[in-house]
Full PDB file with SEQRES, HELIX, SHEET, SSBOND, CRYST1, ORIGX, SCALE, CONECT and MASTER records, all heavy atoms in Angstrom:
SEQRES   1 A   31  ILE PRO PRO PRO ALA GLY PRO ASP PRO THR ILE ARG VAL          
SEQRES   2 A   31  ARG TYR ILE PRO ALA GLY ARG ASP GLN GLY VAL LEU ARG          
SEQRES   3 A   31  ALA GLY GLY LYS GLN                                          
CRYST1    1.000    1.000    1.000  90.00  90.00  90.00 P 1           1          
ORIGX1      1.000000  0.000000  0.000000        0.00000                         
ORIGX2      0.000000  1.000000  0.000000        0.00000                         
ORIGX3      0.000000  0.000000  1.000000        0.00000                         
SCALE1      1.000000  0.000000  0.000000        0.00000                         
SCALE2      0.000000  1.000000  0.000000        0.00000                         
SCALE3      0.000000  0.000000  1.000000        0.00000                         
ATOM      1  N   ILE A   1    -213.921 -11.562-104.432  1.00  0.00           N  
ATOM      2  CA  ILE A   1    -212.945 -10.986-105.289  1.00  0.00           C  
ATOM      3  C   ILE A   1    -212.661 -11.954-106.416  1.00  0.00           C  
ATOM      4  O   ILE A   1    -212.242 -13.087-106.216  1.00  0.00           O  
ATOM      5  CB  ILE A   1    -211.583 -10.769-104.525  1.00  0.00           C  
ATOM      6  CG1 ILE A   1    -211.831  -9.950-103.259  1.00  0.00           C  
ATOM      7  CG2 ILE A   1    -210.572 -10.063-105.443  1.00  0.00           C  
ATOM      8  CD1 ILE A   1    -210.551  -9.759-102.434  1.00  0.00           C  
ATOM      9  N   PRO A   2    -212.927 -11.585-107.679  1.00  0.00           N  
ATOM     10  CA  PRO A   2    -212.603 -12.416-108.818  1.00  0.00           C  
ATOM     11  C   PRO A   2    -211.135 -12.173-109.245  1.00  0.00           C  
ATOM     12  O   PRO A   2    -210.517 -11.214-108.758  1.00  0.00           O  
ATOM     13  CB  PRO A   2    -213.571 -11.915-109.891  1.00  0.00           C  
ATOM     14  CG  PRO A   2    -213.661 -10.446-109.606  1.00  0.00           C  
ATOM     15  CD  PRO A   2    -213.568 -10.334-108.101  1.00  0.00           C  
ATOM     16  N   PRO A   3    -210.571 -12.982-110.145  1.00  0.00           N  
ATOM     17  CA  PRO A   3    -209.259 -12.677-110.693  1.00  0.00           C  
ATOM     18  C   PRO A   3    -209.306 -11.336-111.404  1.00  0.00           C  
ATOM     19  O   PRO A   3    -210.356 -10.922-111.946  1.00  0.00           O  
ATOM     20  CB  PRO A   3    -209.008 -13.806-111.674  1.00  0.00           C  
ATOM     21  CG  PRO A   3    -209.940 -14.886-111.282  1.00  0.00           C  
ATOM     22  CD  PRO A   3    -211.177 -14.225-110.693  1.00  0.00           C  
ATOM     23  N   PRO A   4    -208.217 -10.602-111.471  1.00  0.00           N  
ATOM     24  CA  PRO A   4    -208.212  -9.286-112.119  1.00  0.00           C  
ATOM     25  C   PRO A   4    -208.120  -9.407-113.643  1.00  0.00           C  
ATOM     26  O   PRO A   4    -207.162  -9.002-114.291  1.00  0.00           O  
ATOM     27  CB  PRO A   4    -206.947  -8.645-111.538  1.00  0.00           C  
ATOM     28  CG  PRO A   4    -206.037  -9.769-111.301  1.00  0.00           C  
ATOM     29  CD  PRO A   4    -206.916 -10.926-110.858  1.00  0.00           C  
ATOM     30  N   ALA A   5    -209.136 -10.048-114.244  1.00  0.00           N  
ATOM     31  CA  ALA A   5    -209.151 -10.283-115.669  1.00  0.00           C  
ATOM     32  C   ALA A   5    -210.259  -9.473-116.368  1.00  0.00           C  
ATOM     33  O   ALA A   5    -211.254  -9.084-115.685  1.00  0.00           O  
ATOM     34  CB  ALA A   5    -209.358 -11.788-115.961  1.00  0.00           C  
ATOM     35  N   GLY A   6    -210.150  -9.229-117.619  1.00  0.00           N  
ATOM     36  CA  GLY A   6    -211.185  -8.547-118.358  1.00  0.00           C  
ATOM     37  C   GLY A   6    -211.073  -7.057-118.195  1.00  0.00           C  
ATOM     38  O   GLY A   6    -210.254  -6.523-117.459  1.00  0.00           O  
ATOM     39  N   PRO A   7    -211.937  -6.312-118.893  1.00  0.00           N  
ATOM     40  CA  PRO A   7    -211.856  -4.829-118.891  1.00  0.00           C  
ATOM     41  C   PRO A   7    -212.398  -4.185-117.636  1.00  0.00           C  
ATOM     42  O   PRO A   7    -212.107  -3.043-117.374  1.00  0.00           O  
ATOM     43  CB  PRO A   7    -212.732  -4.473-120.103  1.00  0.00           C  
ATOM     44  CG  PRO A   7    -213.708  -5.581-120.243  1.00  0.00           C  
ATOM     45  CD  PRO A   7    -212.958  -6.843-119.834  1.00  0.00           C  
ATOM     46  N   ASP A   8    -213.194  -4.907-116.846  1.00  0.00           N  
ATOM     47  CA  ASP A   8    -213.833  -4.270-115.696  1.00  0.00           C  
ATOM     48  C   ASP A   8    -213.994  -5.275-114.520  1.00  0.00           C  
ATOM     49  O   ASP A   8    -215.071  -5.664-114.123  1.00  0.00           O  
ATOM     50  CB  ASP A   8    -215.239  -3.745-116.080  1.00  0.00           C  
ATOM     51  CG  ASP A   8    -215.897  -2.931-114.981  1.00  0.00           C  
ATOM     52  OD1 ASP A   8    -215.155  -2.304-114.155  1.00  0.00           O  
ATOM     53  OD2 ASP A   8    -217.145  -2.947-114.906  1.00  0.00           O  
ATOM     54  N   PRO A   9    -212.834  -5.738-113.959  1.00  0.00           N  
ATOM     55  CA  PRO A   9    -212.929  -6.702-112.841  1.00  0.00           C  
ATOM     56  C   PRO A   9    -213.612  -5.982-111.647  1.00  0.00           C  
ATOM     57  O   PRO A   9    -213.276  -4.863-111.310  1.00  0.00           O  
ATOM     58  CB  PRO A   9    -211.506  -7.032-112.547  1.00  0.00           C  
ATOM     59  CG  PRO A   9    -210.728  -5.879-113.073  1.00  0.00           C  
ATOM     60  CD  PRO A   9    -211.455  -5.384-114.263  1.00  0.00           C  
ATOM     61  N   THR A  10    -214.617  -6.699-111.060  1.00  0.00           N  
ATOM     62  CA  THR A  10    -215.437  -6.051-110.028  1.00  0.00           C  
ATOM     63  C   THR A  10    -215.475  -6.917-108.771  1.00  0.00           C  
ATOM     64  O   THR A  10    -215.724  -8.117-108.813  1.00  0.00           O  
ATOM     65  CB  THR A  10    -216.889  -5.904-110.588  1.00  0.00           C  
ATOM     66  OG1 THR A  10    -216.857  -5.102-111.768  1.00  0.00           O  
ATOM     67  CG2 THR A  10    -217.773  -5.262-109.535  1.00  0.00           C  
ATOM     68  N   ILE A  11    -215.211  -6.279-107.645  1.00  0.00           N  
ATOM     69  CA  ILE A  11    -215.326  -6.864-106.320  1.00  0.00           C  
ATOM     70  C   ILE A  11    -216.710  -6.562-105.787  1.00  0.00           C  
ATOM     71  O   ILE A  11    -217.161  -5.393-105.824  1.00  0.00           O  
ATOM     72  CB  ILE A  11    -214.260  -6.323-105.364  1.00  0.00           C  
ATOM     73  CG1 ILE A  11    -212.842  -6.707-105.823  1.00  0.00           C  
ATOM     74  CG2 ILE A  11    -214.501  -6.804-103.932  1.00  0.00           C  
ATOM     75  CD1 ILE A  11    -211.719  -6.038-105.064  1.00  0.00           C  
ATOM     76  N   ARG A  12    -217.388  -7.571-105.262  1.00  0.00           N  
ATOM     77  CA  ARG A  12    -218.717  -7.404-104.703  1.00  0.00           C  
ATOM     78  C   ARG A  12    -218.658  -7.486-103.194  1.00  0.00           C  
ATOM     79  O   ARG A  12    -218.167  -8.465-102.642  1.00  0.00           O  
ATOM     80  CB  ARG A  12    -219.654  -8.449-105.263  1.00  0.00           C  
ATOM     81  CG  ARG A  12    -221.114  -8.258-104.847  1.00  0.00           C  
ATOM     82  CD  ARG A  12    -221.994  -9.391-105.374  1.00  0.00           C  
ATOM     83  NE  ARG A  12    -221.785 -10.607-104.588  1.00  0.00           N  
ATOM     84  CZ  ARG A  12    -222.075 -11.846-105.041  1.00  0.00           C  
ATOM     85  NH1 ARG A  12    -222.519 -11.994-106.269  1.00  0.00           N  
ATOM     86  NH2 ARG A  12    -221.890 -12.888-104.269  1.00  0.00           N  
ATOM     87  N   VAL A  13    -219.209  -6.485-102.535  1.00  0.00           N  
ATOM     88  CA  VAL A  13    -219.337  -6.467-101.084  1.00  0.00           C  
ATOM     89  C   VAL A  13    -220.785  -6.512-100.720  1.00  0.00           C  
ATOM     90  O   VAL A  13    -221.589  -5.704-101.209  1.00  0.00           O  
ATOM     91  CB  VAL A  13    -218.667  -5.213-100.491  1.00  0.00           C  
ATOM     92  CG1 VAL A  13    -218.821  -5.178 -98.985  1.00  0.00           C  
ATOM     93  CG2 VAL A  13    -217.199  -5.113-100.848  1.00  0.00           C  
ATOM     94  N   ARG A  14    -221.139  -7.464 -99.858  1.00  0.00           N  
ATOM     95  CA  ARG A  14    -222.522  -7.639 -99.433  1.00  0.00           C  
ATOM     96  C   ARG A  14    -222.625  -7.664 -97.914  1.00  0.00           C  
ATOM     97  O   ARG A  14    -221.864  -8.392 -97.294  1.00  0.00           O  
ATOM     98  CB  ARG A  14    -223.152  -8.881-100.015  1.00  0.00           C  
ATOM     99  CG  ARG A  14    -223.636  -8.813-101.450  1.00  0.00           C  
ATOM    100  CD  ARG A  14    -224.282 -10.086-101.854  1.00  0.00           C  
ATOM    101  NE  ARG A  14    -224.829 -10.045-103.223  1.00  0.00           N  
ATOM    102  CZ  ARG A  14    -225.255 -11.086-103.895  1.00  0.00           C  
ATOM    103  NH1 ARG A  14    -225.240 -12.301-103.302  1.00  0.00           N  
ATOM    104  NH2 ARG A  14    -225.726 -10.968-105.104  1.00  0.00           N  
ATOM    105  N   TYR A  15    -223.558  -6.934 -97.378  1.00  0.00           N  
ATOM    106  CA  TYR A  15    -223.958  -7.114 -95.951  1.00  0.00           C  
ATOM    107  C   TYR A  15    -225.135  -8.024 -95.960  1.00  0.00           C  
ATOM    108  O   TYR A  15    -226.172  -7.776 -96.578  1.00  0.00           O  
ATOM    109  CB  TYR A  15    -224.299  -5.762 -95.357  1.00  0.00           C  
ATOM    110  CG  TYR A  15    -224.804  -5.823 -93.958  1.00  0.00           C  
ATOM    111  CD1 TYR A  15    -224.051  -6.381 -92.933  1.00  0.00           C  
ATOM    112  CD2 TYR A  15    -226.098  -5.369 -93.678  1.00  0.00           C  
ATOM    113  CE1 TYR A  15    -224.567  -6.429 -91.617  1.00  0.00           C  
ATOM    114  CE2 TYR A  15    -226.631  -5.429 -92.381  1.00  0.00           C  
ATOM    115  CZ  TYR A  15    -225.830  -5.976 -91.372  1.00  0.00           C  
ATOM    116  OH  TYR A  15    -226.356  -6.044 -90.073  1.00  0.00           O  
ATOM    117  N   ILE A  16    -225.020  -9.139 -95.237  1.00  0.00           N  
ATOM    118  CA  ILE A  16    -226.071 -10.169 -95.193  1.00  0.00           C  
ATOM    119  C   ILE A  16    -226.579 -10.253 -93.739  1.00  0.00           C  
ATOM    120  O   ILE A  16    -225.980 -10.932 -92.890  1.00  0.00           O  
ATOM    121  CB  ILE A  16    -225.512 -11.537 -95.658  1.00  0.00           C  
ATOM    122  CG1 ILE A  16    -224.847 -11.393 -97.030  1.00  0.00           C  
ATOM    123  CG2 ILE A  16    -226.650 -12.595 -95.700  1.00  0.00           C  
ATOM    124  CD1 ILE A  16    -224.138 -12.683 -97.478  1.00  0.00           C  
ATOM    125  N   PRO A  17    -227.673  -9.563 -93.439  1.00  0.00           N  
ATOM    126  CA  PRO A  17    -228.132  -9.497 -92.060  1.00  0.00           C  
ATOM    127  C   PRO A  17    -229.079 -10.671 -91.720  1.00  0.00           C  
ATOM    128  O   PRO A  17    -229.726 -11.253 -92.598  1.00  0.00           O  
ATOM    129  CB  PRO A  17    -228.888  -8.192 -92.001  1.00  0.00           C  
ATOM    130  CG  PRO A  17    -229.476  -8.055 -93.386  1.00  0.00           C  
ATOM    131  CD  PRO A  17    -228.435  -8.690 -94.314  1.00  0.00           C  
ATOM    132  N   ALA A  18    -229.135 -10.955 -90.423  1.00  0.00           N  
ATOM    133  CA  ALA A  18    -230.137 -11.911 -89.933  1.00  0.00           C  
ATOM    134  C   ALA A  18    -231.003 -11.222 -88.905  1.00  0.00           C  
ATOM    135  O   ALA A  18    -231.699 -11.845 -88.141  1.00  0.00           O  
ATOM    136  CB  ALA A  18    -229.424 -13.102 -89.297  1.00  0.00           C  
ATOM    137  N   GLY A  19    -230.956  -9.900 -88.862  1.00  0.00           N  
ATOM    138  CA  GLY A  19    -231.755  -9.160 -87.908  1.00  0.00           C  
ATOM    139  C   GLY A  19    -231.445  -7.715 -87.827  1.00  0.00           C  
ATOM    140  O   GLY A  19    -232.327  -6.793 -87.841  1.00  0.00           O  
ATOM    141  N   ARG A  20    -230.145  -7.382 -87.766  1.00  0.00           N  
ATOM    142  CA  ARG A  20    -229.755  -5.992 -87.556  1.00  0.00           C  
ATOM    143  C   ARG A  20    -229.625  -5.306 -88.910  1.00  0.00           C  
ATOM    144  O   ARG A  20    -228.505  -5.189 -89.512  1.00  0.00           O  
ATOM    145  CB  ARG A  20    -228.453  -5.903 -86.784  1.00  0.00           C  
ATOM    146  CG  ARG A  20    -228.123  -4.484 -86.289  1.00  0.00           C  
ATOM    147  CD  ARG A  20    -226.885  -4.520 -85.426  1.00  0.00           C  
ATOM    148  NE  ARG A  20    -227.146  -5.217 -84.201  1.00  0.00           N  
ATOM    149  CZ  ARG A  20    -227.655  -4.703 -83.078  1.00  0.00           C  
ATOM    150  NH1 ARG A  20    -227.983  -3.415 -83.101  1.00  0.00           N  
ATOM    151  NH2 ARG A  20    -227.849  -5.389 -81.991  1.00  0.00           N  
ATOM    152  N   ASP A  21    -230.719  -4.861 -89.482  1.00  0.00           N  
ATOM    153  CA  ASP A  21    -230.738  -4.231 -90.814  1.00  0.00           C  
ATOM    154  C   ASP A  21    -231.604  -3.018 -90.870  1.00  0.00           C  
ATOM    155  O   ASP A  21    -232.029  -2.571 -91.970  1.00  0.00           O  
ATOM    156  CB  ASP A  21    -231.191  -5.244 -91.862  1.00  0.00           C  
ATOM    157  CG  ASP A  21    -232.577  -5.830 -91.583  1.00  0.00           C  
ATOM    158  OD1 ASP A  21    -233.136  -5.497 -90.499  1.00  0.00           O  
ATOM    159  OD2 ASP A  21    -233.092  -6.549 -92.438  1.00  0.00           O  
ATOM    160  N   GLN A  22    -231.877  -2.388 -89.761  1.00  0.00           N  
ATOM    161  CA  GLN A  22    -232.736  -1.187 -89.702  1.00  0.00           C  
ATOM    162  C   GLN A  22    -232.012   0.000 -89.116  1.00  0.00           C  
ATOM    163  O   GLN A  22    -231.235  -0.167 -88.175  1.00  0.00           O  
ATOM    164  CB  GLN A  22    -234.024  -1.483 -88.897  1.00  0.00           C  
ATOM    165  CG  GLN A  22    -234.961  -2.504 -89.508  1.00  0.00           C  
ATOM    166  CD  GLN A  22    -235.522  -2.070 -90.836  1.00  0.00           C  
ATOM    167  OE1 GLN A  22    -236.049  -0.950 -90.940  1.00  0.00           O  
ATOM    168  NE2 GLN A  22    -235.416  -2.912 -91.831  1.00  0.00           N  
ATOM    169  N   GLY A  23    -232.221   1.142 -89.679  1.00  0.00           N  
ATOM    170  CA  GLY A  23    -231.648   2.366 -89.211  1.00  0.00           C  
ATOM    171  C   GLY A  23    -232.628   3.511 -89.340  1.00  0.00           C  
ATOM    172  O   GLY A  23    -233.790   3.306 -89.743  1.00  0.00           O  
ATOM    173  N   VAL A  24    -232.181   4.708 -89.012  1.00  0.00           N  
ATOM    174  CA  VAL A  24    -233.020   5.918 -89.100  1.00  0.00           C  
ATOM    175  C   VAL A  24    -232.303   6.923 -89.984  1.00  0.00           C  
ATOM    176  O   VAL A  24    -231.155   7.282 -89.728  1.00  0.00           O  
ATOM    177  CB  VAL A  24    -233.282   6.517 -87.702  1.00  0.00           C  
ATOM    178  CG1 VAL A  24    -234.082   7.798 -87.832  1.00  0.00           C  
ATOM    179  CG2 VAL A  24    -234.032   5.493 -86.817  1.00  0.00           C  
ATOM    180  N   LEU A  25    -233.005   7.376 -91.042  1.00  0.00           N  
ATOM    181  CA  LEU A  25    -232.470   8.396 -91.918  1.00  0.00           C  
ATOM    182  C   LEU A  25    -232.992   9.768 -91.431  1.00  0.00           C  
ATOM    183  O   LEU A  25    -234.200   9.991 -91.369  1.00  0.00           O  
ATOM    184  CB  LEU A  25    -232.934   8.141 -93.357  1.00  0.00           C  
ATOM    185  CG  LEU A  25    -232.424   9.141 -94.391  1.00  0.00           C  
ATOM    186  CD1 LEU A  25    -230.942   9.118 -94.519  1.00  0.00           C  
ATOM    187  CD2 LEU A  25    -233.073   8.856 -95.743  1.00  0.00           C  
ATOM    188  N   ARG A  26    -232.088  10.650 -91.083  1.00  0.00           N  
ATOM    189  CA  ARG A  26    -232.438  11.982 -90.607  1.00  0.00           C  
ATOM    190  C   ARG A  26    -232.179  12.982 -91.741  1.00  0.00           C  
ATOM    191  O   ARG A  26    -231.096  13.152 -92.183  1.00  0.00           O  
ATOM    192  CB  ARG A  26    -231.623  12.360 -89.359  1.00  0.00           C  
ATOM    193  CG  ARG A  26    -231.882  11.455 -88.145  1.00  0.00           C  
ATOM    194  CD  ARG A  26    -231.031  11.921 -86.964  1.00  0.00           C  
ATOM    195  NE  ARG A  26    -231.314  11.140 -85.776  1.00  0.00           N  
ATOM    196  CZ  ARG A  26    -230.650  10.045 -85.464  1.00  0.00           C  
ATOM    197  NH1 ARG A  26    -229.721   9.585 -86.245  1.00  0.00           N  
ATOM    198  NH2 ARG A  26    -230.962   9.411 -84.365  1.00  0.00           N  
ATOM    199  N   ALA A  27    -233.274  13.622 -92.175  1.00  0.00           N  
ATOM    200  CA  ALA A  27    -233.168  14.611 -93.282  1.00  0.00           C  
ATOM    201  C   ALA A  27    -234.270  15.626 -93.130  1.00  0.00           C  
ATOM    202  O   ALA A  27    -235.466  15.258 -92.965  1.00  0.00           O  
ATOM    203  CB  ALA A  27    -233.248  13.906 -94.643  1.00  0.00           C  
ATOM    204  N   GLY A  28    -233.944  16.901 -93.205  1.00  0.00           N  
ATOM    205  CA  GLY A  28    -234.916  17.977 -93.134  1.00  0.00           C  
ATOM    206  C   GLY A  28    -235.768  17.965 -91.884  1.00  0.00           C  
ATOM    207  O   GLY A  28    -236.952  18.292 -91.906  1.00  0.00           O  
ATOM    208  N   GLY A  29    -235.155  17.557 -90.762  1.00  0.00           N  
ATOM    209  CA  GLY A  29    -235.895  17.505 -89.500  1.00  0.00           C  
ATOM    210  C   GLY A  29    -236.761  16.287 -89.330  1.00  0.00           C  
ATOM    211  O   GLY A  29    -237.430  16.130 -88.307  1.00  0.00           O  
ATOM    212  N   LYS A  30    -236.776  15.410 -90.314  1.00  0.00           N  
ATOM    213  CA  LYS A  30    -237.572  14.191 -90.253  1.00  0.00           C  
ATOM    214  C   LYS A  30    -236.677  12.972 -89.940  1.00  0.00           C  
ATOM    215  O   LYS A  30    -235.502  12.954 -90.337  1.00  0.00           O  
ATOM    216  CB  LYS A  30    -238.312  13.958 -91.567  1.00  0.00           C  
ATOM    217  CG  LYS A  30    -239.350  14.974 -91.903  1.00  0.00           C  
ATOM    218  CD  LYS A  30    -240.006  14.685 -93.240  1.00  0.00           C  
ATOM    219  CE  LYS A  30    -240.640  13.295 -93.256  1.00  0.00           C  
ATOM    220  NZ  LYS A  30    -241.282  12.989 -94.560  1.00  0.00           N  
ATOM    221  N   GLN A  31    -237.261  12.022 -89.270  1.00  0.00           N  
ATOM    222  CA  GLN A  31    -236.575  10.750 -88.977  1.00  0.00           C  
ATOM    223  C   GLN A  31    -237.392   9.645 -89.602  1.00  0.00           C  
ATOM    224  O   GLN A  31    -238.543   9.429 -89.237  1.00  0.00           O  
ATOM    225  CB  GLN A  31    -236.403  10.517 -87.493  1.00  0.00           C  
ATOM    226  CG  GLN A  31    -235.534  11.556 -86.777  1.00  0.00           C  
ATOM    227  CD  GLN A  31    -235.241  11.194 -85.347  1.00  0.00           C  
ATOM    228  OE1 GLN A  31    -235.497  10.104 -84.903  1.00  0.00           O  
ATOM    229  NE2 GLN A  31    -234.699  12.143 -84.605  1.00  0.00           N  
TER     230      GLN A  31                                                      
MASTER        0    0    0    0    0    0    0    6  229    1    0    3          
END                                                                             
């Protein structure tokens, strides 16, 4: 979280994995 300064203050959220970073996308009967 930066200070709320400037015209577009932006909070950055990051997921930083060390292993658990895989999933399954289910769409149109496909995985």
